[in-house]
Amino acid sequence: MKQIFNSRVVYKKYLTEDLLLIGFSANIDFKAGQFFHIILDKDDPDNEKTGFRPYSILNSPKDAHSRGIIESFIRLIPNGLASEYLRKLNVSDEVLLRGPFGKFILDKNNNKHVLFCTGTGITPIHSIIQQHIESENEFTLFHGAKNKEELLYYDKFKEFEKKYKNFKYIASLTREHEWDGLKGRLTQHLNIIDTFSDKTVYICGVKEFISDVITILKDKTKNIIMERYT
């Protein structure tokens, strides 16, 4: 089991009423795509119901090491145990963290990658892309959301697409009317990719989203890496 370590809140920013960007002081070695635990009960930190909650790391290891900060996008749930804890935290408050964990990391045996995510599922994928964008890896990101407000890092990824020839960005919204981009679920646009057989596929989101993508791709590629959000 990973050791618990002391941290503090460096910044908090509400992007929407229930979407929080939060940064914690931390000097840990991790791989892009991994997650950490916020400890909710220091007396019983291993209790899966009340002891902790897992959250993916948003920034890359390079960025985290340079600033001494790990950050995350967190969807706050009304009356949720962890959500209420996070709402009450103030900048400079002390917290307990644990990690890193997870195997949702870059497949080093391949250099062609297709990534699918919705909502805060962009969190570990952003870390992976930010860490490896200046490498020989090729990335195609399928990014879905209800509306543009929740299409996190849209402008940044559009800039990446202009700057890096190895990066392609495909965004689709399901409930936005004033939007001239793709509309509908991401699974409606998979024909944009000619073949998946030579690529590693990454899927991050809720159980239903992961299941929908796998149902379509299970016969098209054997290289699928998943991270389920609840």
Protein backbone atom coordinates (compact mmCIF):
# COMPACT_ATOMS: atom_id res chain seq x y z
CA MET A 1 0.00 0.00 0.00
CA LYS A 2 1.26 3.48 -0.90
CA GLN A 3 2.24 5.76 1.95
CA ILE A 4 -0.05 8.61 2.97
CA PHE A 5 1.63 12.00 2.75
CA ASN A 6 0.87 15.52 3.93
CA SER A 7 -0.24 18.13 1.42
CA ARG A 8 -2.13 21.41 1.26
CA VAL A 9 -4.54 23.12 -1.08
CA VAL A 10 -2.65 25.51 -3.37
CA TYR A 11 -5.63 26.73 -5.41
CA LYS A 12 -9.32 26.09 -6.08
CA LYS A 13 -11.26 27.25 -9.11
CA TYR A 14 -14.88 26.50 -9.94
CA LEU A 15 -15.24 26.13 -13.72
CA THR A 16 -18.97 25.52 -13.34
CA GLU A 17 -21.20 25.22 -10.27
CA ASP A 18 -20.22 21.57 -9.83
CA LEU A 19 -16.89 21.30 -11.66
CA LEU A 20 -13.80 22.04 -9.61
CA LEU A 21 -10.16 22.50 -10.62
CA ILE A 22 -8.01 21.96 -7.56
CA GLY A 23 -4.26 21.90 -7.00
CA PHE A 24 -2.40 20.21 -4.16
CA SER A 25 1.22 20.59 -3.09
CA ALA A 26 3.03 17.33 -3.86
CA ASN A 27 6.41 16.04 -4.91
CA ILE A 28 5.70 12.51 -6.07
CA ASP A 29 6.90 10.39 -8.95
CA PHE A 30 4.03 9.27 -11.15
CA LYS A 31 3.31 8.28 -14.73
CA ALA A 32 0.98 10.36 -16.90
CA GLY A 33 -2.54 8.94 -16.58
CA GLN A 34 -2.28 7.74 -12.98
CA PHE A 35 -4.47 8.75 -10.01
CA PHE A 36 -4.17 9.50 -6.31
CA HIS A 37 -6.36 9.21 -3.20
CA ILE A 38 -7.71 12.06 -1.12
CA ILE A 39 -7.93 10.72 2.43
CA LEU A 40 -11.26 11.55 4.05
CA ASP A 41 -10.85 9.63 7.32
CA LYS A 42 -7.31 9.61 8.69
CA ASP A 43 -8.32 7.06 11.35
CA ASP A 44 -9.65 4.57 8.80
CA PRO A 45 -8.06 5.54 5.46
CA ASP A 46 -8.51 2.11 3.86
CA ASN A 47 -12.28 2.04 4.30
CA GLU A 48 -13.59 1.92 0.71
CA LYS A 49 -16.84 3.70 1.63
CA THR A 50 -15.68 6.50 3.90
CA GLY A 51 -11.88 6.43 4.03
CA PHE A 52 -10.79 7.86 0.69
CA ARG A 53 -11.73 8.79 -2.87
CA PRO A 54 -9.61 8.34 -6.02
CA TYR A 55 -9.01 11.20 -8.46
CA SER A 56 -6.96 11.28 -11.65
CA ILE A 57 -4.01 13.62 -11.99
CA LEU A 58 -4.65 16.32 -14.57
CA ASN A 59 -1.19 17.75 -15.16
CA SER A 60 1.81 15.93 -16.59
CA PRO A 61 4.71 14.63 -14.49
CA LYS A 62 6.92 17.30 -16.09
CA ASP A 63 4.56 20.07 -15.02
CA ALA A 64 3.97 18.56 -11.57
CA HIS A 65 7.68 18.28 -10.84
CA SER A 66 8.42 21.81 -12.03
CA ARG A 67 5.69 23.38 -9.88
CA GLY A 68 5.51 20.91 -6.98
CA ILE A 69 1.78 20.57 -7.58
CA ILE A 70 -0.62 17.85 -8.70
CA GLU A 71 -4.03 18.97 -9.87
CA SER A 72 -7.35 17.42 -10.82
CA PHE A 73 -10.73 18.19 -12.36
CA ILE A 74 -13.41 16.97 -9.95
CA ARG A 75 -17.14 16.68 -10.54
CA LEU A 76 -18.90 17.57 -7.28
CA ILE A 77 -21.94 15.49 -6.39
CA PRO A 78 -24.75 16.98 -4.24
CA ASN A 79 -24.41 15.65 -0.68
CA GLY A 80 -21.54 13.39 -1.72
CA LEU A 81 -19.12 12.61 1.10
CA ALA A 82 -15.99 13.63 -0.78
CA SER A 83 -17.73 16.46 -2.60
CA GLU A 84 -18.82 18.12 0.64
CA TYR A 85 -15.31 17.67 2.03
CA LEU A 86 -13.82 19.37 -1.04
CA ARG A 87 -16.36 22.21 -1.02
CA LYS A 88 -15.31 23.10 2.53
CA LEU A 89 -11.58 23.11 1.80
CA ASN A 90 -9.90 26.49 1.60
CA VAL A 91 -6.58 27.49 0.06
CA SER A 92 -3.69 26.54 2.40
CA ASP A 93 -5.77 23.93 4.24
CA GLU A 94 -3.86 20.75 5.02
CA VAL A 95 -4.97 17.48 3.42
CA LEU A 96 -3.75 13.90 3.33
CA LEU A 97 -3.06 12.25 -0.03
CA ARG A 98 -1.89 8.82 -1.14
CA GLY A 99 -0.54 7.49 -4.41
CA PRO A 100 0.14 7.24 -7.24
CA PHE A 101 -1.93 4.33 -8.55
CA GLY A 102 -3.20 3.04 -11.87
CA LYS A 103 -2.30 1.43 -15.17
CA PHE A 104 -4.05 3.92 -17.48
CA ILE A 105 -0.73 4.96 -18.99
CA LEU A 106 0.87 5.24 -22.42
CA ASP A 107 1.47 1.97 -24.27
CA LYS A 108 5.19 2.17 -25.02
CA ASN A 109 4.95 -0.75 -27.46
CA ASN A 110 3.00 1.39 -29.91
CA ASN A 111 3.29 4.93 -31.24
CA LYS A 112 -0.25 5.29 -32.59
CA HIS A 113 -2.89 6.17 -30.02
CA VAL A 114 -6.64 6.93 -30.14
CA LEU A 115 -8.16 8.35 -26.97
CA PHE A 116 -11.86 8.58 -26.08
CA CYS A 117 -13.29 10.53 -23.15
CA THR A 118 -16.30 12.45 -21.93
CA GLY A 119 -16.65 14.96 -19.10
CA THR A 120 -13.95 14.81 -16.45
CA GLY A 121 -12.62 11.70 -18.20
CA ILE A 122 -10.35 14.19 -19.97
CA THR A 123 -8.28 14.44 -16.76
CA PRO A 124 -5.82 11.51 -17.15
CA ILE A 125 -5.86 11.85 -20.93
CA HIS A 126 -4.75 15.48 -20.67
CA SER A 127 -1.85 14.32 -18.52
CA ILE A 128 -0.82 11.71 -21.10
CA ILE A 129 -1.03 14.10 -24.05
CA GLN A 130 0.72 16.95 -22.23
CA GLN A 131 3.58 14.64 -21.24
CA HIS A 132 4.11 13.00 -24.64
CA ILE A 133 2.95 15.53 -27.24
CA GLU A 134 6.52 16.41 -28.24
CA SER A 135 7.47 12.78 -28.86
CA GLU A 136 7.16 10.60 -31.97
CA ASN A 137 3.78 9.32 -30.79
CA GLU A 138 0.66 10.03 -32.85
CA PHE A 139 -2.49 11.01 -30.94
CA THR A 140 -6.11 11.26 -32.04
CA LEU A 141 -8.39 12.56 -29.28
CA PHE A 142 -12.17 12.01 -29.38
CA HIS A 143 -13.62 14.41 -26.80
CA GLY A 144 -17.32 14.47 -25.95
CA ALA A 145 -19.46 16.65 -23.69
CA LYS A 146 -23.00 17.93 -23.28
CA ASN A 147 -22.12 21.56 -24.05
CA LYS A 148 -19.05 23.63 -24.82
CA GLU A 149 -18.77 24.82 -21.22
CA GLU A 150 -17.96 21.25 -20.23
CA LEU A 151 -15.60 20.64 -23.16
CA LEU A 152 -12.58 21.10 -20.95
CA TYR A 153 -9.39 22.38 -22.59
CA TYR A 154 -11.08 22.84 -25.98
CA ASP A 155 -9.01 25.91 -26.88
CA LYS A 156 -5.79 24.28 -25.71
CA PHE A 157 -6.38 21.17 -27.79
CA LYS A 158 -7.25 23.24 -30.86
CA GLU A 159 -3.92 25.03 -30.44
CA PHE A 160 -2.17 21.69 -30.05
CA GLU A 161 -3.74 20.58 -33.33
CA LYS A 162 -2.32 23.65 -35.09
CA LYS A 163 1.11 23.32 -33.50
CA TYR A 164 1.72 19.57 -33.59
CA LYS A 165 1.39 17.45 -36.70
CA ASN A 166 1.12 14.30 -34.58
CA PHE A 167 -2.09 15.44 -32.83
CA LYS A 168 -5.67 15.38 -34.13
CA TYR A 169 -8.62 16.66 -32.10
CA ILE A 170 -12.24 15.57 -32.63
CA ALA A 171 -14.87 17.16 -30.39
CA SER A 172 -18.60 16.44 -30.36
CA LEU A 173 -21.43 17.92 -28.29
CA THR A 174 -24.80 16.37 -27.51
CA ARG A 175 -26.82 19.33 -26.18
CA GLU A 176 -25.25 22.46 -27.66
CA HIS A 177 -27.32 24.27 -30.31
CA GLU A 178 -24.91 27.13 -31.12
CA TRP A 179 -22.07 24.91 -32.23
CA ASP A 180 -20.79 24.35 -35.75
CA GLY A 181 -18.69 21.30 -34.88
CA LEU A 182 -19.68 17.65 -34.68
CA LYS A 183 -22.85 16.79 -32.79
CA GLY A 184 -24.06 13.64 -31.12
CA ARG A 185 -22.30 10.86 -29.23
CA LEU A 186 -18.69 10.08 -29.99
CA THR A 187 -19.65 6.58 -31.11
CA GLN A 188 -21.40 8.15 -34.12
CA HIS A 189 -18.07 9.44 -35.46
CA LEU A 190 -15.74 6.44 -35.24
CA ASN A 191 -15.64 6.14 -39.02
CA ILE A 192 -13.26 9.12 -38.98
CA ILE A 193 -10.56 6.54 -38.19
CA ASP A 194 -9.80 4.26 -41.15
CA THR A 195 -8.49 1.39 -39.05
CA PHE A 196 -7.99 0.70 -35.36
CA SER A 197 -6.03 -2.54 -35.70
CA ASP A 198 -2.61 -0.86 -35.55
CA LYS A 199 -3.51 1.55 -32.73
CA THR A 200 -3.83 1.46 -28.95
CA VAL A 201 -7.22 2.71 -27.79
CA TYR A 202 -7.75 4.48 -24.47
CA ILE A 203 -11.25 5.00 -23.03
CA CYS A 204 -12.03 7.07 -19.95
CA GLY A 205 -15.50 7.87 -18.66
CA VAL A 206 -18.51 6.33 -17.00
CA LYS A 207 -19.30 2.63 -17.30
CA GLU A 208 -21.97 3.06 -19.97
CA PHE A 209 -19.71 5.15 -22.22
CA ILE A 210 -16.87 2.65 -21.96
CA SER A 211 -19.25 -0.21 -22.75
CA ASP A 212 -20.61 1.56 -25.83
CA VAL A 213 -17.16 2.20 -27.28
CA ILE A 214 -15.92 -1.32 -26.56
CA THR A 215 -18.99 -2.85 -28.19
CA ILE A 216 -18.09 -1.11 -31.43
CA LEU A 217 -14.32 -1.57 -31.26
CA LYS A 218 -13.94 -5.05 -29.76
CA ASP A 219 -13.58 -6.65 -33.19
CA LYS A 220 -11.44 -3.82 -34.57
CA THR A 221 -8.53 -3.83 -32.11
CA LYS A 222 -7.14 -5.94 -29.29
CA ASN A 223 -5.28 -3.04 -27.69
CA ILE A 224 -7.73 -1.30 -25.35
CA ILE A 225 -6.88 0.43 -22.06
CA MET A 226 -9.75 1.61 -19.83
CA GLU A 227 -10.29 3.86 -16.82
CA ARG A 228 -13.82 3.83 -15.40
CA TYR A 229 -15.25 6.86 -13.60
CA THR A 230 -18.17 6.69 -11.19
